[in-house]
Amino acid sequence: MEAQNKTCQNCKKDFTIEPEDFNFYEKIKVPPPTFCRECRLQRRLAYRNTHALYRRKDSFWGKDFISSYSSDKNLIVIDQKTWWGDSWDPFSYSIEYNFSKPFFEQWAEFRNKFPLQGLTNSQGINSDYCNFADESKDCYLISASWKNERVFYSNSITDIKDSMDLYVVHRTQFSYDDVNCTDSYQLFYSQDSHNCVNSYFLYDCRGCTDCFMCSNMRSKSYCFFNRQLTKEEYQKRMKEINLSSYSSIQQKKKDFEEMKLKSIHRFAHILNSYNVSGNNIENGKNAHYCFDSTGGVEDSKDVFWTARGIKDCISCGPAVGMLELGYESFDTGVGGKNCLFCSNVYTTENVEYSFNCFNSSNLFACLGLRNKHYCIFNKQYKKEDFFVLREKIIKHMNDMPYIDKKGNIYKYGEFFPTELSPFCYNETIAQDYFLKEKEEILASGLSWKDSETRNYKPTILPKDIPDDIKDVSDDIVNEIIGCEHKGECKDRCTTAFKIIRDELTFYKRFDIPLPRLCSNCRYYTRFKQRNPLKLWHRKCMKENCTNEFETSYSPDRPEIVYCEKCYNGEVY
């Protein structure tokens, strides 16, 4: 089949469906999309709230707990320990399919009456305040994470130990304030660096040990501002830098930003890959428009934040891993296969339009099921009856589609309508990647969440915190620290925060000054260092080079962007 140009029914922009895309849709037996890539991504992101957390009442027991669902949401929300317990039966909420209503309308009604996890957290140990997290141990306020121990305030991480304030970091230990780094040990304030040890403020470095404020370096030791020193010279210069001083570190961060602008930027951060496009990809093969893929991605397209290997997936993410044949799904995998239009579905096969289901197969429109098979809306069917009813429902979805407030039509093959999300648009990470003002959100038929009034007051202001961590007493854990942003930013500022004891121990161990921003504002500081999930066609900026490429650096960016050949010829 030849490529076809389509017009997105949501944004009205043209997009192309390639011949290999049609082959994929035929393999999984779904129609081609009617939304463009960006609108499909935006729709999935609008169902994912990682950072807007609230205190509300447990719907079963009435106790206060932390949830991603605010108290004004008319939903049944329970503590995660209760959710994973045996005191309730997901089958007791089953419903019969109603052929007089559109499918998505029934789905929303079903979900609104079903117990939801306050925070999406599975197999956690002493990690009650983690969201979209799997196999966490002794972790605190991490999200989009998998297999981490003693990690705080981090997002999009896997296999991390004893670290804090990381974003898109993997297989790393004893590290702090890094963005897009892997396989490192004691790496601080760094970006786009890999296999580095005991270093600070590195940009685009690999295999470096004991280096400070360096960029574009390979397999170097004892380098200071990209200058090679002896071990003795390096140690002397490092003693002159007060790493434990907040004001000193803030100045070094400004120096770091200036250094990055002067550095050579490879058109894309791609490692050990073949025939791939996108950014931040390792071990990829035949994968296009992929972003933040670690641990292998193969024969896939339009995927975002993938880990531990995926294959034959289109329009998946964020957070999919160990998944084969996935489509329009996020937070799904862990040994899954043929998962379509799903979220938080682990170790499952042949599952569609389902949420928070585990170790199951052949589910359609189910919630919260574990170790179940051949179910629709949580109702058990015989194998042959399941497939007959599934086909009838798909026909009904096409004959009686859901139509949203904008007039978009949702038949079988589309992800859930954005307006049916349990979250307001600006509570979700859709607002991070597709920023909209309140008026625009409301005008498009979506909901907006105003900031809630906080019932606590700071007991200490940032200006009153000792500049040097060595001068901070252990009593700081009893204080409520005011955030420097004072809630005046657009970063979901919590206006105040506390330092927990293990966090303070980490700061003192590595001479890290206390932060002056709440964890949300710190996250967005790191988030803004990342390139967008888009590609532009550009030419290499090396003089006399005619090479062209697809890159996530837009043409109006100030960075020096080189093609692969010129980059390799310059970086040492």
Protein backbone atom coordinates (compact mmCIF):
# COMPACT_ATOMS: atom_id res chain seq x y z
CA MET A 1 0.00 0.00 0.00
CA GLU A 2 1.24 3.48 -0.85
CA ALA A 3 1.69 6.34 1.61
CA GLN A 4 -1.43 8.38 2.22
CA ASN A 5 -1.81 11.98 3.28
CA LYS A 6 -4.50 12.60 5.90
CA THR A 7 -5.90 15.64 7.65
CA CYS A 8 -6.00 15.43 11.45
CA GLN A 9 -9.58 15.82 12.57
CA ASN A 10 -8.43 17.61 15.72
CA CYS A 11 -5.81 20.20 14.65
CA LYS A 12 -6.69 20.11 10.91
CA LYS A 13 -3.02 19.75 9.94
CA ASP A 14 -1.89 17.25 7.32
CA PHE A 15 0.00 14.10 8.28
CA THR A 16 1.24 11.07 6.39
CA ILE A 17 0.60 7.38 6.98
CA GLU A 18 3.51 5.39 5.53
CA PRO A 19 3.17 1.95 3.88
CA GLU A 20 4.88 0.23 6.85
CA ASP A 21 2.35 1.90 9.16
CA PHE A 22 -0.51 0.30 7.24
CA ASN A 23 1.23 -3.07 7.59
CA PHE A 24 1.34 -2.56 11.36
CA TYR A 25 -2.34 -1.56 11.58
CA GLU A 26 -3.26 -4.64 9.58
CA LYS A 27 -1.19 -6.83 11.90
CA ILE A 28 -3.04 -5.63 15.01
CA LYS A 29 -6.38 -5.31 13.18
CA VAL A 30 -7.09 -1.65 13.85
CA PRO A 31 -7.98 1.12 11.39
CA PRO A 32 -5.42 3.83 10.62
CA PRO A 33 -5.52 6.88 12.92
CA THR A 34 -7.56 10.01 12.26
CA PHE A 35 -5.42 12.13 14.62
CA CYS A 36 -1.87 13.24 13.76
CA ARG A 37 1.14 12.09 15.79
CA GLU A 38 1.23 15.17 18.04
CA CYS A 39 -2.50 15.12 18.76
CA ARG A 40 -2.33 11.41 19.59
CA LEU A 41 0.55 12.06 22.00
CA GLN A 42 -1.23 15.02 23.56
CA ARG A 43 -4.33 12.89 24.10
CA ARG A 44 -2.37 10.19 25.95
CA LEU A 45 -0.49 12.72 28.05
CA ALA A 46 -3.78 14.28 29.12
CA TYR A 47 -4.54 11.07 31.06
CA ARG A 48 -1.27 11.16 33.02
CA ASN A 49 -0.84 13.26 36.15
CA THR A 50 2.54 12.74 37.79
CA HIS A 51 3.19 15.95 39.74
CA ALA A 52 -0.09 17.54 40.83
CA LEU A 53 -0.67 15.74 44.14
CA TYR A 54 -3.34 16.45 46.74
CA ARG A 55 -4.48 15.44 50.17
CA ARG A 56 -7.94 13.87 50.11
CA LYS A 57 -10.09 11.34 51.96
CA ASP A 58 -9.89 7.64 51.25
CA SER A 59 -13.29 6.70 49.76
CA PHE A 60 -13.43 3.45 51.75
CA TRP A 61 -12.07 4.40 55.16
CA GLY A 62 -12.25 8.19 55.30
CA LYS A 63 -8.60 8.65 56.26
CA ASP A 64 -6.44 11.39 54.77
CA PHE A 65 -3.87 10.36 52.19
CA ILE A 66 -1.96 11.70 49.19
CA SER A 67 -3.51 11.24 45.76
CA SER A 68 -3.17 12.44 42.19
CA TYR A 69 -6.95 12.96 42.23
CA SER A 70 -8.02 16.16 43.99
CA SER A 71 -10.86 16.04 46.50
CA ASP A 72 -13.26 17.87 44.16
CA LYS A 73 -13.16 14.98 41.69
CA ASN A 74 -16.32 12.88 42.01
CA LEU A 75 -14.41 9.61 41.97
CA ILE A 76 -13.88 6.60 44.22
CA VAL A 77 -10.23 6.84 45.25
CA ILE A 78 -8.52 4.60 47.77
CA ASP A 79 -5.09 4.16 49.30
CA GLN A 80 -2.76 2.01 47.21
CA LYS A 81 -2.29 -0.56 50.00
CA THR A 82 -6.04 -1.05 50.17
CA TRP A 83 -6.24 -1.19 46.40
CA TRP A 84 -3.71 -4.00 46.28
CA GLY A 85 -5.35 -5.82 49.20
CA ASP A 86 -8.11 -8.42 49.32
CA SER A 87 -10.78 -6.37 51.10
CA TRP A 88 -12.65 -5.61 47.88
CA ASP A 89 -13.53 -7.42 44.64
CA PRO A 90 -13.01 -5.76 41.23
CA PHE A 91 -15.60 -8.14 39.76
CA SER A 92 -18.30 -6.65 41.99
CA TYR A 93 -18.19 -3.46 39.89
CA SER A 94 -18.80 -5.23 36.55
CA ILE A 95 -21.45 -3.94 34.16
CA GLU A 96 -23.29 -5.27 31.12
CA TYR A 97 -22.50 -3.63 27.84
CA ASN A 98 -25.22 -1.17 26.81
CA PHE A 99 -25.75 -0.97 23.05
CA SER A 100 -27.85 2.18 23.40
CA LYS A 101 -24.87 4.34 24.48
CA PRO A 102 -21.51 5.12 22.86
CA PHE A 103 -18.68 2.98 24.20
CA PHE A 104 -16.58 5.82 25.56
CA GLU A 105 -19.52 7.27 27.47
CA GLN A 106 -20.05 3.88 29.13
CA TRP A 107 -16.35 3.62 29.87
CA ALA A 108 -16.32 6.96 31.69
CA GLU A 109 -19.35 5.99 33.77
CA PHE A 110 -17.73 2.66 34.63
CA ARG A 111 -14.45 4.27 35.64
CA ASN A 112 -16.14 6.95 37.75
CA LYS A 113 -17.77 4.26 39.93
CA PHE A 114 -14.70 2.03 40.21
CA PRO A 115 -12.08 2.30 43.02
CA LEU A 116 -8.95 3.98 41.70
CA GLN A 117 -5.46 3.96 43.21
CA GLY A 118 -4.64 7.28 44.84
CA LEU A 119 -1.15 6.95 43.39
CA THR A 120 -0.26 4.46 40.67
CA ASN A 121 2.33 2.36 42.42
CA SER A 122 3.08 -1.36 42.14
CA GLN A 123 5.44 -3.67 44.03
CA GLY A 124 6.74 -0.81 46.15
CA ILE A 125 8.51 -1.22 49.49
CA ASN A 126 8.46 1.78 51.81
CA SER A 127 7.71 3.99 48.79
CA ASP A 128 4.17 5.20 49.47
CA TYR A 129 4.64 8.64 47.92
CA CYS A 130 5.72 7.45 44.47
CA ASN A 131 3.52 7.75 41.39
CA PHE A 132 3.67 5.76 38.17
CA ALA A 133 6.36 3.70 39.84
CA ASP A 134 7.15 -0.01 39.71
CA GLU A 135 9.45 -1.95 42.03
CA SER A 136 10.57 1.00 44.17
CA LYS A 137 12.35 0.48 47.47
CA ASP A 138 12.79 3.21 50.09
CA CYS A 139 12.01 5.89 47.50
CA TYR A 140 10.23 9.21 47.90
CA LEU A 141 8.39 11.37 45.35
CA ILE A 142 9.69 9.65 42.24
CA SER A 143 7.57 9.03 39.14
CA ALA A 144 7.78 7.27 35.78
CA SER A 145 10.26 4.93 37.42
CA TRP A 146 11.26 1.27 37.43
CA LYS A 147 13.52 -0.68 39.79
CA ASN A 148 14.98 2.05 42.00
CA GLU A 149 16.32 2.08 45.55
CA ARG A 150 16.71 5.03 47.91
CA VAL A 151 15.96 7.64 45.25
CA PHE A 152 14.17 10.95 45.89
CA TYR A 153 12.54 13.63 43.71
CA SER A 154 13.27 12.06 40.33
CA ASN A 155 11.38 11.31 37.11
CA SER A 156 11.82 8.94 34.16
CA ILE A 157 14.46 6.77 35.80
CA THR A 158 15.41 3.09 35.87
CA ASP A 159 17.87 1.09 37.95
CA ILE A 160 19.00 4.00 40.11
CA LYS A 161 20.36 3.77 43.64
CA ASP A 162 21.07 6.38 46.31
CA SER A 163 20.47 9.47 44.18
CA MET A 164 18.30 12.58 44.01
CA ASP A 165 16.83 15.11 41.58
CA LEU A 166 17.35 13.14 38.36
CA TYR A 167 15.47 13.34 35.07
CA VAL A 168 15.81 10.66 32.36
CA VAL A 169 18.70 8.86 34.04
CA HIS A 170 19.44 5.14 34.07
CA ARG A 171 21.77 2.67 35.81
CA THR A 172 23.40 5.28 38.03
CA GLN A 173 24.35 5.58 41.72
CA PHE A 174 25.21 8.34 44.20
CA SER A 175 24.34 11.13 41.76
CA TYR A 176 22.49 14.43 41.91
CA ASP A 177 20.79 16.93 39.59
CA ASP A 178 21.48 15.15 36.28
CA VAL A 179 19.53 15.20 33.01
CA ASN A 180 19.72 12.45 30.41
CA CYS A 181 22.69 10.56 31.84
CA THR A 182 23.40 6.84 32.13
CA ASP A 183 25.75 4.29 33.67
CA SER A 184 27.46 6.74 36.02
CA TYR A 185 28.68 6.95 39.61
CA GLN A 186 28.91 10.12 41.67
CA LEU A 187 27.95 12.39 38.79
CA PHE A 188 26.60 15.82 39.71
CA TYR A 189 24.93 18.72 37.86
CA SER A 190 25.47 17.09 34.46
CA GLN A 191 23.63 16.57 31.20
CA ASP A 192 23.82 14.16 28.25
CA SER A 193 26.78 12.31 29.76
CA HIS A 194 27.42 8.60 30.09
CA ASN A 195 29.79 6.24 31.90
CA CYS A 196 31.23 9.05 34.02
CA VAL A 197 32.58 8.88 37.58
CA ASN A 198 33.20 11.43 40.33
CA SER A 199 32.60 14.44 38.10
CA TYR A 200 30.71 17.74 38.12
CA PHE A 201 29.06 19.87 35.44
CA LEU A 202 29.68 17.65 32.45
CA TYR A 203 27.93 18.14 29.14
CA ASP A 204 28.08 15.49 26.42
CA CYS A 205 30.92 13.54 27.99
CA ARG A 206 31.57 9.80 27.95
CA GLY A 207 33.89 7.66 29.98
CA CYS A 208 35.23 10.57 32.02
CA THR A 209 36.54 10.35 35.57
CA ASP A 210 37.39 13.22 37.92
CA CYS A 211 36.46 16.02 35.53
CA PHE A 212 34.93 19.43 36.22
CA MET A 213 33.00 21.78 33.90
CA CYS A 214 33.84 19.93 30.71
CA SER A 215 32.02 19.29 27.44
CA ASN A 216 32.49 17.06 24.37
CA MET A 217 35.11 14.95 26.20
CA ARG A 218 35.81 11.25 25.72
CA SER A 219 37.66 8.95 28.14
CA LYS A 220 39.44 11.72 30.00
CA SER A 221 40.55 12.16 33.60
CA TYR A 222 41.57 15.20 35.63
CA CYS A 223 40.22 17.76 33.18
CA PHE A 224 39.17 21.18 34.46
CA PHE A 225 37.19 23.48 32.15
CA ASN A 226 38.26 21.21 29.26
CA ARG A 227 41.93 21.62 30.15
CA GLN A 228 44.04 18.56 30.91
CA LEU A 229 45.72 18.73 34.32
CA THR A 230 47.83 16.37 36.35
CA LYS A 231 46.12 14.58 39.20
CA GLU A 232 47.80 16.87 41.72
CA GLU A 233 46.86 20.02 39.78
CA TYR A 234 43.26 18.88 39.45
CA GLN A 235 42.92 18.10 43.15
CA LYS A 236 44.36 21.50 44.01
CA ARG A 237 41.88 23.30 41.74
CA MET A 238 38.96 21.32 43.12
CA LYS A 239 39.86 22.33 46.67
CA GLU A 240 39.54 25.94 45.60
CA ILE A 241 35.90 25.40 44.59
CA ASN A 242 33.39 25.51 47.40
CA LEU A 243 30.95 22.84 46.26
CA SER A 244 29.06 23.03 49.54
CA SER A 245 28.11 26.70 48.98
CA TYR A 246 24.73 27.48 47.42
CA SER A 247 25.90 30.79 45.93
CA SER A 248 28.97 29.09 44.48
CA ILE A 249 26.92 26.34 42.86
CA GLN A 250 24.47 28.88 41.41
CA GLN A 251 27.35 30.69 39.73
CA LYS A 252 28.73 27.41 38.41
CA LYS A 253 25.32 26.61 36.93
CA LYS A 254 25.46 29.88 34.99
CA ASP A 255 28.97 28.96 33.81
CA PHE A 256 27.63 25.56 32.78
CA GLU A 257 24.89 27.10 30.61
CA GLU A 258 27.44 29.34 28.90
CA MET A 259 29.72 26.36 28.30
CA LYS A 260 26.87 24.36 26.73
CA LEU A 261 26.16 27.14 24.22
CA LYS A 262 29.80 27.14 23.13
CA SER A 263 29.92 23.34 22.83
CA ILE A 264 29.33 21.30 19.69
CA HIS A 265 25.93 19.64 19.71
CA ARG A 266 25.46 16.38 17.91
CA PHE A 267 22.25 16.54 15.87
CA ALA A 268 20.83 13.76 18.07
CA HIS A 269 21.95 11.76 21.10
CA ILE A 270 21.90 8.25 19.66
CA LEU A 271 24.05 5.38 20.96
CA ASN A 272 24.64 1.89 19.51
CA SER A 273 21.75 2.20 17.07
CA TYR A 274 20.96 1.52 13.42
CA ASN A 275 18.41 3.21 11.17
CA VAL A 276 16.78 5.33 13.86
CA SER A 277 15.57 8.90 14.22
CA GLY A 278 14.60 10.98 17.22
CA ASN A 279 16.63 11.83 20.30
CA ASN A 280 18.09 10.12 23.36
CA ILE A 281 18.04 6.60 21.93
CA GLU A 282 20.27 3.69 22.90
CA ASN A 283 20.36 0.23 21.30
CA GLY A 284 17.74 1.08 18.69
CA LYS A 285 17.05 -0.61 15.38
CA ASN A 286 14.61 0.43 12.67
CA ALA A 287 12.92 2.92 14.99
CA HIS A 288 11.74 6.37 14.00
CA TYR A 289 10.48 9.43 15.78
CA CYS A 290 11.57 7.89 19.06
CA PHE A 291 12.51 9.85 22.16
CA ASP A 292 14.06 8.78 25.47
CA SER A 293 14.44 5.09 24.63
CA THR A 294 16.76 3.08 26.86
CA GLY A 295 17.47 -0.63 26.80
CA GLY A 296 16.48 -1.24 23.18
CA VAL A 297 13.73 -0.26 20.75
CA GLU A 298 13.11 -2.15 17.52
CA ASP A 299 10.74 -1.86 14.56
CA SER A 300 8.82 0.92 16.27
CA LYS A 301 7.65 4.44 15.54
CA ASP A 302 6.45 7.45 17.49
CA VAL A 303 7.36 6.16 20.94
CA PHE A 304 8.37 8.17 23.97
CA TRP A 305 10.11 7.13 27.21
CA THR A 306 10.65 3.43 26.66
CA ALA A 307 12.78 1.05 28.71
CA ARG A 308 14.11 -2.51 28.75
CA GLY A 309 13.22 -3.24 25.17
CA ILE A 310 10.12 -2.78 23.03
CA LYS A 311 9.32 -4.15 19.60
CA ASP A 312 6.63 -3.49 17.01
CA CYS A 313 5.07 -0.53 18.78
CA ILE A 314 3.54 2.64 17.37
CA SER A 315 2.31 5.71 19.23
CA CYS A 316 3.22 4.41 22.67
CA GLY A 317 4.45 6.14 25.79
CA PRO A 318 5.33 7.68 28.00
CA ALA A 319 6.77 4.79 30.00
CA VAL A 320 6.45 1.54 28.08
CA GLY A 321 8.92 -1.31 28.44
CA MET A 322 9.23 -5.02 27.70
CA LEU A 323 6.32 -4.64 25.30
CA GLU A 324 5.64 -6.19 21.91
CA LEU A 325 2.83 -5.07 19.62
CA GLY A 326 1.72 -1.99 21.50
CA TYR A 327 -0.42 0.81 20.13
CA GLU A 328 -1.75 4.01 21.69
CA SER A 329 -0.76 2.90 25.19
CA PHE A 330 1.30 4.32 28.06
CA ASP A 331 2.73 2.95 31.31
CA THR A 332 2.31 -0.52 29.86
CA GLY A 333 4.42 -3.61 29.25
CA VAL A 334 6.60 -5.55 31.71
CA GLY A 335 6.24 -8.61 29.53
CA GLY A 336 3.11 -7.47 27.69
CA LYS A 337 2.04 -8.30 24.15
CA ASN A 338 -0.67 -6.88 21.93
CA CYS A 339 -1.75 -4.10 24.30
CA LEU A 340 -3.93 -1.51 22.56
CA PHE A 341 -5.34 1.73 24.02
CA CYS A 342 -4.19 0.85 27.54
CA SER A 343 -2.55 2.44 30.55
CA ASN A 344 -0.93 0.78 33.56
CA VAL A 345 -1.34 -2.68 32.12
CA TYR A 346 1.51 -5.05 33.05
CA THR A 347 2.34 -8.63 32.06
CA THR A 348 -0.75 -8.94 29.90
CA GLU A 349 -1.64 -10.18 26.43
CA ASN A 350 -4.44 -9.22 24.05
CA VAL A 351 -5.80 -6.36 26.17
CA GLU A 352 -7.71 -3.36 24.84
CA TYR A 353 -9.09 -0.17 26.38
CA SER A 354 -8.11 -1.24 29.89
CA PHE A 355 -6.49 0.40 32.90
CA ASN A 356 -4.57 -0.94 35.90
CA CYS A 357 -4.76 -4.63 34.96
CA PHE A 358 -2.08 -7.19 35.70
CA ASN A 359 -1.10 -10.77 34.72
CA SER A 360 -4.17 -11.15 32.55
CA SER A 361 -5.16 -11.82 28.95
CA ASN A 362 -8.04 -11.17 26.57
CA LEU A 363 -9.56 -8.18 28.34
CA PHE A 364 -11.67 -5.44 26.81
CA ALA A 365 -12.58 -2.26 28.72
CA CYS A 366 -11.55 -3.60 32.13
CA LEU A 367 -10.32 -1.94 35.31
CA GLY A 368 -8.20 -3.25 38.17
CA LEU A 369 -8.23 -6.94 37.22
CA ARG A 370 -5.49 -9.34 38.27
CA ASN A 371 -4.96 -12.85 36.92
CA LYS A 372 -8.18 -12.78 34.87
CA HIS A 373 -9.03 -13.79 31.32
CA TYR A 374 -11.87 -13.21 28.83
CA CYS A 375 -13.49 -10.26 30.58
CA ILE A 376 -15.40 -7.22 29.29
CA PHE A 377 -16.19 -4.35 31.65
CA ASN A 378 -14.95 -6.67 34.43
CA LYS A 379 -17.60 -9.29 33.63
CA GLN A 380 -16.38 -12.86 33.11
CA TYR A 381 -17.30 -14.62 29.84
CA LYS A 382 -16.61 -17.97 28.29
CA LYS A 383 -13.86 -17.84 25.69
CA GLU A 384 -16.14 -18.15 22.67
CA ASP A 385 -18.68 -15.69 24.10
CA PHE A 386 -15.93 -13.15 24.78
CA PHE A 387 -14.82 -13.00 21.16
CA VAL A 388 -18.38 -12.81 19.84
CA LEU A 389 -19.26 -9.92 22.15
CA ARG A 390 -15.97 -8.15 21.43
CA GLU A 391 -16.76 -8.08 17.71
CA LYS A 392 -20.27 -6.77 18.42
CA ILE A 393 -18.85 -3.99 20.60
CA ILE A 394 -16.33 -2.96 17.94
CA LYS A 395 -19.13 -2.78 15.37
CA HIS A 396 -21.21 -0.74 17.82
CA MET A 397 -18.27 1.63 18.41
CA ASN A 398 -18.17 2.28 14.67
CA ASP A 399 -21.94 2.51 14.22
CA MET A 400 -22.48 4.75 17.28
CA PRO A 401 -19.21 6.67 17.77
CA TYR A 402 -18.54 9.09 20.59
CA ILE A 403 -18.47 12.73 19.47
CA ASP A 404 -16.64 15.23 21.69
CA LYS A 405 -17.42 18.91 22.23
CA LYS A 406 -15.16 19.91 19.34
CA GLY A 407 -16.92 17.53 16.99
CA ASN A 408 -14.12 14.96 16.87
CA ILE A 409 -15.40 11.45 16.17
CA TYR A 410 -14.12 8.51 18.20
CA LYS A 411 -14.64 5.06 16.73
CA TYR A 412 -12.82 1.82 17.45
CA GLY A 413 -9.11 2.43 17.00
CA GLU A 414 -8.93 5.77 18.80
CA PHE A 415 -7.55 6.36 22.28
CA PHE A 416 -9.89 7.76 24.94
CA PRO A 417 -11.27 11.28 24.30
CA THR A 418 -9.30 13.95 26.14
CA GLU A 419 -12.45 15.49 27.61
CA LEU A 420 -13.16 12.24 29.49
CA SER A 421 -9.85 12.29 31.35
CA PRO A 422 -10.25 12.16 35.15
CA PHE A 423 -7.82 15.08 35.36
CA CYS A 424 -8.01 18.70 34.35
CA TYR A 425 -5.77 19.40 31.38
CA ASN A 426 -3.33 21.57 33.32
CA GLU A 427 -2.89 18.89 36.00
CA THR A 428 -1.41 16.51 33.44
CA ILE A 429 1.90 16.34 31.63
CA ALA A 430 0.05 17.33 28.45
CA GLN A 431 0.40 20.86 29.83
CA ASP A 432 4.18 20.35 30.07
CA TYR A 433 4.63 19.39 26.43
CA PHE A 434 1.67 21.25 24.90
CA LEU A 435 1.34 24.39 26.99
CA LYS A 436 -2.07 26.10 26.86
CA GLU A 437 -3.54 29.07 28.65
CA LYS A 438 -6.66 28.68 30.77
CA GLU A 439 -8.90 30.40 28.23
CA GLU A 440 -7.71 28.15 25.39
CA ILE A 441 -8.25 25.02 27.46
CA LEU A 442 -11.79 25.98 28.46
CA ALA A 443 -12.65 27.08 24.93
CA SER A 444 -11.65 23.65 23.59
CA GLY A 445 -14.10 21.92 25.93
CA LEU A 446 -11.52 20.74 28.44
CA SER A 447 -11.32 21.48 32.16
CA TRP A 448 -8.91 23.67 34.13
CA LYS A 449 -7.79 23.29 37.75
CA ASP A 450 -7.08 26.47 39.73
CA SER A 451 -4.31 26.27 42.31
CA GLU A 452 -5.55 25.17 45.71
CA THR A 453 -4.90 27.31 48.77
CA ARG A 454 -2.18 25.77 50.91
CA ASN A 455 -2.94 25.60 54.63
CA TYR A 456 0.65 25.80 55.78
CA LYS A 457 3.05 28.69 56.25
CA PRO A 458 6.84 28.64 55.95
CA THR A 459 8.79 28.69 59.18
CA ILE A 460 11.98 29.66 57.36
CA LEU A 461 12.57 31.57 54.12
CA PRO A 462 15.20 30.68 51.52
CA LYS A 463 17.24 33.80 52.33
CA ASP A 464 17.58 32.62 55.92
CA ILE A 465 19.02 29.20 55.06
CA PRO A 466 22.80 28.97 55.62
CA ASP A 467 24.69 29.29 52.35
CA ASP A 468 26.95 26.34 53.16
CA ILE A 469 25.55 22.88 53.86
CA LYS A 470 28.23 22.50 56.53
CA ASP A 471 26.50 25.22 58.52
CA VAL A 472 23.04 23.63 58.35
CA SER A 473 21.94 22.01 61.59
CA ASP A 474 19.97 18.77 61.78
CA ASP A 475 17.00 20.78 63.06
CA ILE A 476 16.28 21.90 59.50
CA VAL A 477 14.17 18.76 59.10
CA ASN A 478 11.65 20.34 61.47
CA GLU A 479 11.26 23.48 59.36
CA ILE A 480 8.82 24.33 56.58
CA ILE A 481 10.94 26.03 53.93
CA GLY A 482 9.38 28.60 51.63
CA CYS A 483 9.95 28.00 47.92
CA GLU A 484 11.73 30.86 46.17
CA HIS A 485 9.05 30.89 43.47
CA LYS A 486 6.32 31.59 46.06
CA GLY A 487 3.74 29.97 43.81
CA GLU A 488 4.18 32.72 41.23
CA CYS A 489 5.58 30.45 38.49
CA LYS A 490 3.78 28.03 36.18
CA ASP A 491 5.62 25.00 37.56
CA ARG A 492 3.01 23.60 39.95
CA CYS A 493 4.89 25.22 42.81
CA THR A 494 3.92 23.86 46.23
CA THR A 495 5.01 27.21 47.79
CA ALA A 496 6.85 25.38 50.59
CA PHE A 497 8.62 22.11 51.25
CA LYS A 498 10.39 20.09 53.92
CA ILE A 499 13.76 18.37 54.04
CA ILE A 500 13.45 14.75 55.13
CA ARG A 501 16.21 13.22 57.25
CA ASP A 502 17.59 10.82 54.62
CA GLU A 503 17.69 13.70 52.16
CA LEU A 504 19.72 15.82 54.58
CA THR A 505 22.13 12.94 55.13
CA PHE A 506 22.67 12.75 51.36
CA TYR A 507 23.34 16.48 51.07
CA LYS A 508 25.87 16.41 53.86
CA ARG A 509 27.61 13.30 52.60
CA PHE A 510 28.27 14.86 49.19
CA ASP A 511 28.59 18.53 50.25
CA ILE A 512 25.47 19.57 48.35
CA PRO A 513 23.86 22.85 49.48
CA LEU A 514 20.20 22.83 50.44
CA PRO A 515 17.77 23.61 47.61
CA ARG A 516 15.75 26.82 47.62
CA LEU A 517 13.01 25.49 45.37
CA CYS A 518 10.31 22.91 46.07
CA SER A 519 10.65 19.54 44.35
CA ASN A 520 8.14 20.45 41.62
CA CYS A 521 9.97 23.64 40.69
CA ARG A 522 13.27 21.77 40.69
CA TYR A 523 11.76 19.17 38.36
CA TYR A 524 10.66 21.81 35.89
CA THR A 525 14.10 23.41 36.00
CA ARG A 526 15.49 20.10 34.74
CA PHE A 527 12.59 19.55 32.35
CA LYS A 528 13.29 22.84 30.58
CA GLN A 529 16.79 21.67 29.72
CA ARG A 530 15.34 19.01 27.44
CA ASN A 531 14.65 19.38 23.73
CA PRO A 532 11.02 19.07 22.58
CA LEU A 533 9.54 15.83 21.25
CA LYS A 534 9.68 17.12 17.69
CA LEU A 535 12.05 16.93 14.73
CA TRP A 536 13.11 19.61 12.25
CA HIS A 537 14.95 19.19 8.97
CA ARG A 538 18.23 21.10 9.15
CA LYS A 539 21.68 21.38 7.61
CA CYS A 540 24.95 20.88 9.43
CA MET A 541 26.40 24.15 10.77
CA LYS A 542 29.99 23.11 10.05
CA GLU A 543 31.39 25.38 7.35
CA ASN A 544 31.35 23.79 3.88
CA CYS A 545 29.40 20.73 5.06
CA THR A 546 26.29 19.94 3.00
CA ASN A 547 24.89 17.13 5.16
CA GLU A 548 21.25 17.33 6.24
CA PHE A 549 19.41 15.58 9.06
CA GLU A 550 16.35 15.45 11.31
CA THR A 551 16.98 16.98 14.72
CA SER A 552 15.16 18.06 17.85
CA TYR A 553 17.07 21.36 17.75
CA SER A 554 14.74 23.83 16.06
CA PRO A 555 16.31 26.19 13.47
CA ASP A 556 15.94 29.21 15.75
CA ARG A 557 17.99 27.65 18.56
CA PRO A 558 21.40 29.22 19.38
CA GLU A 559 23.34 25.94 19.76
CA ILE A 560 26.04 24.82 17.32
CA VAL A 561 24.56 21.68 15.72
CA TYR A 562 26.69 19.31 13.65
CA CYS A 563 25.97 16.22 11.60
CA GLU A 564 27.35 12.87 12.74
CA LYS A 565 30.48 13.04 10.59
CA CYS A 566 31.48 16.57 11.57
CA TYR A 567 30.65 15.97 15.22
CA ASN A 568 32.87 12.89 15.36
CA GLY A 569 35.64 14.81 13.65
CA GLU A 570 35.61 17.55 16.29
CA VAL A 571 34.76 15.86 19.59
CA TYR A 572 37.71 14.40 21.44
